[in-house]
C-alpha atoms as a PDB file:
ATOM      1  CA  VAL A   1     216.611 193.037 281.377  1.00  0.00           C
ATOM      2  CA  ILE A   2     213.930 195.083 281.632  1.00  0.00           C
ATOM      3  CA  ALA A   3     210.193 192.773 282.767  1.00  0.00           C
ATOM      4  CA  LEU A   4     207.440 195.209 282.820  1.00  0.00           C
ATOM      5  CA  ASP A   5     204.840 195.026 283.843  1.00  0.00           C
ATOM      6  CA  MET A   6     201.911 196.267 281.292  1.00  0.00           C
ATOM      7  CA  PRO A   7     199.228 199.075 282.891  1.00  0.00           C
ATOM      8  CA  GLY A   8     196.727 197.287 284.506  1.00  0.00           C
ATOM      9  CA  SER A   9     199.049 193.632 285.593  1.00  0.00           C
ATOM     10  CA  GLY A  10     201.131 192.675 288.248  1.00  0.00           C
ATOM     11  CA  GLU A  11     202.559 196.732 290.656  1.00  0.00           C
ATOM     12  CA  THR A  12     201.552 198.723 287.575  1.00  0.00           C
ATOM     13  CA  THR A  13     199.075 201.260 288.567  1.00  0.00           C
ATOM     14  CA  PHE A  14     194.893 200.042 287.200  1.00  0.00           C
ATOM     15  CA  ARG A  15     193.137 203.468 285.946  1.00  0.00           C
ATOM     16  CA  ASN A  16     189.041 202.640 285.244  1.00  0.00           C
ATOM     17  CA  GLN A  17     189.671 205.114 282.315  1.00  0.00           C
ATOM     18  CA  ASP A  18     192.621 203.061 280.893  1.00  0.00           C
ATOM     19  CA  SER A  19     191.953 200.539 278.243  1.00  0.00           C
ATOM     20  CA  PHE A  20     193.523 197.176 278.189  1.00  0.00           C
ATOM     21  CA  ASP A  21     192.771 195.509 275.060  1.00  0.00           C
ATOM     22  CA  ILE A  22     196.099 194.451 273.378  1.00  0.00           C
ATOM     23  CA  LEU A  23     196.425 197.306 270.140  1.00  0.00           C
ATOM     24  CA  SER A  24     195.796 199.697 273.342  1.00  0.00           C
ATOM     25  CA  GLN A  25     198.577 198.100 275.432  1.00  0.00           C
ATOM     26  CA  ALA A  26     200.608 197.541 272.658  1.00  0.00           C
ATOM     27  CA  SER A  27     200.668 201.158 272.176  1.00  0.00           C
ATOM     28  CA  ASN A  28     201.442 201.978 275.879  1.00  0.00           C
ATOM     29  CA  LEU A  29     204.623 199.547 275.099  1.00  0.00           C
ATOM     30  CA  HIS A  30     205.439 201.740 272.861  1.00  0.00           C
ATOM     31  CA  ASP A  31     205.175 205.073 275.045  1.00  0.00           C
ATOM     32  CA  PHE A  32     207.562 203.250 277.458  1.00  0.00           C
ATOM     33  CA  ILE A  33     209.743 202.349 274.844  1.00  0.00           C
ATOM     34  CA  ILE A  34     210.247 206.652 274.543  1.00  0.00           C
ATOM     35  CA  ALA A  35     210.079 207.081 277.142  1.00  0.00           C
ATOM     36  CA  ALA A  36     213.356 205.052 278.653  1.00  0.00           C
ATOM     37  CA  LYS A  37     214.547 206.627 275.515  1.00  0.00           C
ATOM     38  CA  ILE A  38     215.798 202.609 273.843  1.00  0.00           C
ATOM     39  CA  ASN A  39     216.375 202.825 270.414  1.00  0.00           C
ATOM     40  CA  LYS A  40     217.394 198.460 269.340  1.00  0.00           C
ATOM     41  CA  PHE A  41     215.752 195.643 271.573  1.00  0.00           C
ATOM     42  CA  HIS A  42     215.440 191.981 272.009  1.00  0.00           C
ATOM     43  CA  ILE A  43     211.478 191.368 273.172  1.00  0.00           C
ATOM     44  CA  LEU A  44     209.782 188.413 274.524  1.00  0.00           C
ATOM     45  CA  GLY A  45     205.828 187.985 275.249  1.00  0.00           C
ATOM     46  CA  THR A  46     204.472 185.139 277.218  1.00  0.00           C
ATOM     47  CA  SER A  47     200.381 184.212 276.549  1.00  0.00           C
ATOM     48  CA  MET A  48     198.995 187.985 276.726  1.00  0.00           C
ATOM     49  CA  GLY A  49     202.037 189.563 276.295  1.00  0.00           C
ATOM     50  CA  GLY A  50     203.176 187.629 273.331  1.00  0.00           C
ATOM     51  CA  ALA A  51     199.980 188.885 271.917  1.00  0.00           C
ATOM     52  CA  ILE A  52     201.199 192.445 272.608  1.00  0.00           C
ATOM     53  CA  THR A  53     205.025 192.207 271.661  1.00  0.00           C
ATOM     54  CA  GLY A  54     204.361 190.503 268.259  1.00  0.00           C
ATOM     55  CA  VAL A  55     201.567 192.994 267.713  1.00  0.00           C
ATOM     56  CA  TYR A  56     204.556 195.460 268.515  1.00  0.00           C
ATOM     57  CA  ALA A  57     207.130 194.070 266.571  1.00  0.00           C
ATOM     58  CA  ALA A  58     204.770 194.076 263.471  1.00  0.00           C
ATOM     59  CA  ARG A  59     204.275 197.702 263.985  1.00  0.00           C
ATOM     60  CA  HIS A  60     207.753 198.719 265.031  1.00  0.00           C
ATOM     61  CA  SER A  61     209.972 196.497 263.050  1.00  0.00           C
ATOM     62  CA  ASN A  62     212.849 198.988 262.822  1.00  0.00           C
ATOM     63  CA  ARG A  63     213.445 198.615 266.435  1.00  0.00           C
ATOM     64  CA  ILE A  64     212.994 194.675 266.935  1.00  0.00           C
ATOM     65  CA  LYS A  65     216.523 192.931 267.395  1.00  0.00           C
ATOM     66  CA  SER A  66     214.678 189.469 267.523  1.00  0.00           C
ATOM     67  CA  LEU A  67     211.543 188.631 269.211  1.00  0.00           C
ATOM     68  CA  VAL A  68     210.172 185.342 271.129  1.00  0.00           C
ATOM     69  CA  LEU A  69     207.143 184.308 271.462  1.00  0.00           C
ATOM     70  CA  ILE A  70     206.025 181.679 274.252  1.00  0.00           C
ATOM     71  CA  ASN A  71     202.605 180.493 274.324  1.00  0.00           C
ATOM     72  CA  SER A  72     201.436 183.419 272.521  1.00  0.00           C
ATOM     73  CA  TYR A  73     197.307 184.251 273.131  1.00  0.00           C
ATOM     74  CA  GLY A  74     195.942 185.723 269.943  1.00  0.00           C
ATOM     75  CA  ILE A  75     196.199 183.040 266.895  1.00  0.00           C
ATOM     76  CA  GLU A  76     192.253 180.638 266.165  1.00  0.00           C
ATOM     77  CA  THR A  77     193.368 177.485 265.748  1.00  0.00           C
ATOM     78  CA  LYS A  78     190.703 174.808 264.208  1.00  0.00           C
ATOM     79  CA  ILE A  79     192.123 172.374 267.156  1.00  0.00           C
ATOM     80  CA  LYS A  80     190.545 173.937 269.809  1.00  0.00           C
ATOM     81  CA  SER A  81     192.770 173.315 273.397  1.00  0.00           C
ATOM     82  CA  TYR A  82     191.237 171.248 276.400  1.00  0.00           C
ATOM     83  CA  GLY A  83     189.979 173.802 277.682  1.00  0.00           C
ATOM     84  CA  GLU A  84     188.629 176.198 275.005  1.00  0.00           C
ATOM     85  CA  LYS A  85     186.236 173.130 274.719  1.00  0.00           C
ATOM     86  CA  LYS A  86     185.462 172.457 278.107  1.00  0.00           C
ATOM     87  CA  TYR A  87     185.087 175.967 279.464  1.00  0.00           C
ATOM     88  CA  ALA A  88     184.410 177.932 275.998  1.00  0.00           C
ATOM     89  CA  THR A  89     180.659 179.316 278.385  1.00  0.00           C
ATOM     90  CA  LYS A  90     182.529 179.641 280.746  1.00  0.00           C
ATOM     91  CA  ALA A  91     185.924 181.184 279.997  1.00  0.00           C
ATOM     92  CA  LYS A  92     185.392 184.659 281.770  1.00  0.00           C
ATOM     93  CA  LYS A  93     184.400 182.564 285.135  1.00  0.00           C
ATOM     94  CA  ILE A  94     187.426 180.368 285.017  1.00  0.00           C
ATOM     95  CA  PHE A  95     190.150 183.874 285.011  1.00  0.00           C
ATOM     96  CA  VAL A  96     188.098 185.975 286.646  1.00  0.00           C
ATOM     97  CA  TYR A  97     187.938 183.769 289.654  1.00  0.00           C
ATOM     98  CA  LYS A  98     186.252 184.315 293.527  1.00  0.00           C
ATOM     99  CA  ASP A  99     186.319 180.947 295.110  1.00  0.00           C
ATOM    100  CA  LEU A 100     188.803 178.166 295.505  1.00  0.00           C
ATOM    101  CA  LYS A 101     187.099 175.492 293.209  1.00  0.00           C
ATOM    102  CA  HIS A 102     187.683 178.165 290.102  1.00  0.00           C
ATOM    103  CA  GLN A 103     191.071 178.984 291.395  1.00  0.00           C
ATOM    104  CA  LYS A 104     192.157 175.149 291.231  1.00  0.00           C
ATOM    105  CA  ILE A 105     190.514 175.337 287.369  1.00  0.00           C
ATOM    106  CA  PHE A 106     192.415 178.376 286.861  1.00  0.00           C
ATOM    107  CA  SER A 107     195.614 176.388 287.792  1.00  0.00           C
ATOM    108  CA  ASN A 108     194.742 172.747 286.580  1.00  0.00           C
ATOM    109  CA  ILE A 109     194.519 174.867 283.138  1.00  0.00           C
ATOM    110  CA  VAL A 110     197.896 176.668 283.179  1.00  0.00           C
ATOM    111  CA  PHE A 111     200.361 174.546 284.972  1.00  0.00           C
ATOM    112  CA  ASN A 112     201.342 171.201 283.854  1.00  0.00           C
ATOM    113  CA  LYS A 113     202.886 170.381 287.112  1.00  0.00           C
ATOM    114  CA  GLN A 114     201.073 171.207 290.062  1.00  0.00           C
ATOM    115  CA  ILE A 115     203.003 172.273 293.325  1.00  0.00           C
ATOM    116  CA  TRP A 116     201.499 171.657 296.751  1.00  0.00           C
ATOM    117  CA  ILE A 117     200.213 175.393 298.198  1.00  0.00           C
ATOM    118  CA  PRO A 118     198.922 176.148 301.531  1.00  0.00           C
ATOM    119  CA  ASN A 119     195.530 176.001 301.618  1.00  0.00           C
ATOM    120  CA  SER A 120     196.369 179.616 303.980  1.00  0.00           C
ATOM    121  CA  ILE A 121     198.516 181.157 300.769  1.00  0.00           C
ATOM    122  CA  LYS A 122     196.018 179.800 298.816  1.00  0.00           C
ATOM    123  CA  HIS A 123     193.330 181.843 300.368  1.00  0.00           C
ATOM    124  CA  TYR A 124     195.923 185.153 300.808  1.00  0.00           C
ATOM    125  CA  PHE A 125     196.083 184.929 296.867  1.00  0.00           C
ATOM    126  CA  LEU A 126     192.083 184.185 296.617  1.00  0.00           C
ATOM    127  CA  ASN A 127     191.083 187.107 298.593  1.00  0.00           C
ATOM    128  CA  ARG A 128     193.347 189.824 296.936  1.00  0.00           C
ATOM    129  CA  ARG A 129     191.564 188.215 293.421  1.00  0.00           C
ATOM    130  CA  ILE A 130     187.980 189.234 295.351  1.00  0.00           C
ATOM    131  CA  LEU A 131     189.354 192.826 296.624  1.00  0.00           C
ATOM    132  CA  LYS A 132     190.381 193.413 292.463  1.00  0.00           C
ATOM    133  CA  TYR A 133     187.918 191.750 291.258  1.00  0.00           C
ATOM    134  CA  ASN A 134     186.305 194.423 289.480  1.00  0.00           C
ATOM    135  CA  HIS A 135     189.979 194.991 287.765  1.00  0.00           C
ATOM    136  CA  TYR A 136     190.181 191.541 286.963  1.00  0.00           C
ATOM    137  CA  GLU A 137     186.785 191.348 285.357  1.00  0.00           C
ATOM    138  CA  LYS A 138     187.798 194.592 283.769  1.00  0.00           C
ATOM    139  CA  LEU A 139     191.214 193.223 282.044  1.00  0.00           C
ATOM    140  CA  PHE A 140     189.197 190.291 281.126  1.00  0.00           C
ATOM    141  CA  ASN A 141     186.657 191.849 278.824  1.00  0.00           C
ATOM    142  CA  HIS A 142     189.820 194.307 277.198  1.00  0.00           C
ATOM    143  CA  ILE A 143     191.965 192.260 276.687  1.00  0.00           C
ATOM    144  CA  THR A 144     189.716 189.565 274.615  1.00  0.00           C
ATOM    145  CA  LYS A 145     187.828 193.044 272.800  1.00  0.00           C
ATOM    146  CA  HIS A 146     189.685 192.796 269.787  1.00  0.00           C
ATOM    147  CA  GLY A 147     188.571 188.993 269.832  1.00  0.00           C
ATOM    148  CA  ASN A 148     191.207 185.443 270.135  1.00  0.00           C
ATOM    149  CA  ASN A 149     192.821 185.924 266.475  1.00  0.00           C
ATOM    150  CA  VAL A 150     194.253 189.693 267.230  1.00  0.00           C
ATOM    151  CA  LEU A 151     197.466 188.396 266.654  1.00  0.00           C
ATOM    152  CA  PHE A 152     197.372 186.824 262.853  1.00  0.00           C
ATOM    153  CA  PRO A 153     196.097 189.475 261.240  1.00  0.00           C
ATOM    154  CA  TYR A 154     199.911 191.592 262.272  1.00  0.00           C
ATOM    155  CA  LEU A 155     201.787 188.138 261.395  1.00  0.00           C
ATOM    156  CA  LYS A 156     203.390 188.415 258.088  1.00  0.00           C
ATOM    157  CA  HIS A 157     204.324 192.231 259.146  1.00  0.00           C
ATOM    158  CA  ILE A 158     207.085 190.165 262.131  1.00  0.00           C
ATOM    159  CA  THR A 159     210.054 190.641 260.252  1.00  0.00           C
ATOM    160  CA  ALA A 160     213.153 190.266 262.828  1.00  0.00           C
ATOM    161  CA  ASN A 161     214.458 186.760 263.787  1.00  0.00           C
ATOM    162  CA  THR A 162     211.266 185.313 265.784  1.00  0.00           C
ATOM    163  CA  LEU A 163     211.527 182.502 268.445  1.00  0.00           C
ATOM    164  CA  ILE A 164     208.079 180.829 268.814  1.00  0.00           C
ATOM    165  CA  ILE A 165     208.178 177.730 272.076  1.00  0.00           C
ATOM    166  CA  TRP A 166     204.698 175.981 272.690  1.00  0.00           C
ATOM    167  CA  GLY A 167     204.440 173.612 275.696  1.00  0.00           C
ATOM    168  CA  THR A 168     203.108 170.927 273.893  1.00  0.00           C
ATOM    169  CA  GLU A 169     200.853 169.610 276.885  1.00  0.00           C
ATOM    170  CA  ASP A 170     199.039 174.055 276.629  1.00  0.00           C
ATOM    171  CA  ARG A 171     195.184 173.299 278.311  1.00  0.00           C
ATOM    172  CA  LEU A 172     194.311 176.999 277.160  1.00  0.00           C
ATOM    173  CA  PHE A 173     195.882 177.592 273.542  1.00  0.00           C
ATOM    174  CA  HIS A 174     196.291 174.805 271.315  1.00  0.00           C
ATOM    175  CA  TYR A 175     200.001 173.764 270.329  1.00  0.00           C
ATOM    176  CA  SER A 176     198.818 173.767 266.391  1.00  0.00           C
ATOM    177  CA  ALA A 177     198.869 178.508 266.668  1.00  0.00           C
ATOM    178  CA  ALA A 178     202.467 177.401 266.721  1.00  0.00           C
ATOM    179  CA  TYR A 179     202.584 176.532 263.507  1.00  0.00           C
ATOM    180  CA  ILE A 180     200.619 178.930 262.162  1.00  0.00           C
ATOM    181  CA  ILE A 181     202.657 181.842 263.472  1.00  0.00           C
ATOM    182  CA  LYS A 182     205.818 180.019 262.014  1.00  0.00           C
ATOM    183  CA  ASN A 183     204.074 180.167 258.267  1.00  0.00           C
ATOM    184  CA  ASN A 184     203.318 183.286 258.897  1.00  0.00           C
ATOM    185  CA  ILE A 185     206.507 185.080 260.086  1.00  0.00           C
ATOM    186  CA  LYS A 186     209.400 185.124 257.726  1.00  0.00           C
ATOM    187  CA  HIS A 187     212.558 184.288 259.998  1.00  0.00           C
ATOM    188  CA  SER A 188     210.951 182.048 262.269  1.00  0.00           C
ATOM    189  CA  LYS A 189     212.126 178.596 264.407  1.00  0.00           C
ATOM    190  CA  MET A 190     210.327 176.897 266.623  1.00  0.00           C
ATOM    191  CA  VAL A 191     210.704 174.821 269.143  1.00  0.00           C
ATOM    192  CA  LEU A 192     207.968 172.486 271.074  1.00  0.00           C
ATOM    193  CA  ILE A 193     208.133 171.614 274.638  1.00  0.00           C
ATOM    194  CA  LYS A 194     206.964 167.816 275.380  1.00  0.00           C
ATOM    195  CA  ASN A 195     204.866 167.319 278.713  1.00  0.00           C
ATOM    196  CA  ALA A 196     204.823 170.970 279.342  1.00  0.00           C
ATOM    197  CA  CYS A 197     201.643 173.506 279.467  1.00  0.00           C
ATOM    198  CA  HIS A 198     201.149 177.027 279.419  1.00  0.00           C
ATOM    199  CA  VAL A 199     203.591 178.261 281.032  1.00  0.00           C
ATOM    200  CA  PRO A 200     206.867 175.806 279.968  1.00  0.00           C
ATOM    201  CA  PHE A 201     209.389 177.824 281.134  1.00  0.00           C
ATOM    202  CA  PHE A 202     207.732 176.515 285.186  1.00  0.00           C
ATOM    203  CA  ASP A 203     207.249 172.943 283.631  1.00  0.00           C
ATOM    204  CA  LYS A 204     210.248 172.247 281.916  1.00  0.00           C
ATOM    205  CA  PRO A 205     212.373 175.433 283.001  1.00  0.00           C
ATOM    206  CA  LYS A 206     215.737 173.428 281.421  1.00  0.00           C
ATOM    207  CA  GLU A 207     214.355 172.335 277.989  1.00  0.00           C
ATOM    208  CA  THR A 208     212.910 176.047 277.673  1.00  0.00           C
ATOM    209  CA  ILE A 209     216.106 177.678 278.301  1.00  0.00           C
ATOM    210  CA  PHE A 210     218.187 175.483 276.434  1.00  0.00           C
ATOM    211  CA  ALA A 211     216.324 176.855 273.411  1.00  0.00           C
ATOM    212  CA  LEU A 212     216.284 180.170 274.364  1.00  0.00           C
ATOM    213  CA  LYS A 213     220.446 180.205 275.074  1.00  0.00           C
ATOM    214  CA  GLN A 214     220.247 178.287 271.798  1.00  0.00           C
ATOM    215  CA  PHE A 215     218.191 181.430 269.984  1.00  0.00           C
ATOM    216  CA  TYR A 216     220.027 184.148 271.691  1.00  0.00           C
ATOM    217  CA  ASN A 217     223.590 182.783 270.808  1.00  0.00           C
ATOM    218  CA  ASN A 218     223.091 183.301 267.197  1.00  0.00           C
ATOM    219  CA  LYS A 219     222.039 186.331 267.413  1.00  0.00           C
ATOM    220  CA  LYS A 220     225.347 187.236 267.660  1.00  0.00           C
END
């Protein structure tokens, strides 16, 4: 298993001259695949990673054994999520936050199951976020560069068996996006996880793991 931090994310190098939009990141992913000499493989992406892996699967269908999209970014829906309706004009302020108030709003949007975190830990991560404010601002601007429907045109070109997992309480991207993806990828299956938000593997780990195991076991 390879868990990849894309350029600009996690501990991977951030360089100002790089592009971090979805289409560029799909190209970056391909560069990694070539460098690592990986031929055919299963791929999974969640949220922004879902849009990147979806675009990649469409561009390089001959390499993909199967695709899993979890609460993926990149699909416009007629029904807007709680976050889209309430914070449409404040999206950057929520995701590129630099105070505890917006840190809490971000957490409430992403997680259905809130956990207690000591204030000292909250401040530690907030200070790290503030130090990298310009970094996250650039990431946000690049991610949204091609619009919130960036994945949709690529769906019809995805030929791999695909599993779509979505939390029904997702306050970031409305779960009706799962139906759009399902209806536009020929070989696809959809699993909706009740009482799970944007990260179902956190809110409902057992149900998420069950769906994944069932999908991958059927691929053998």
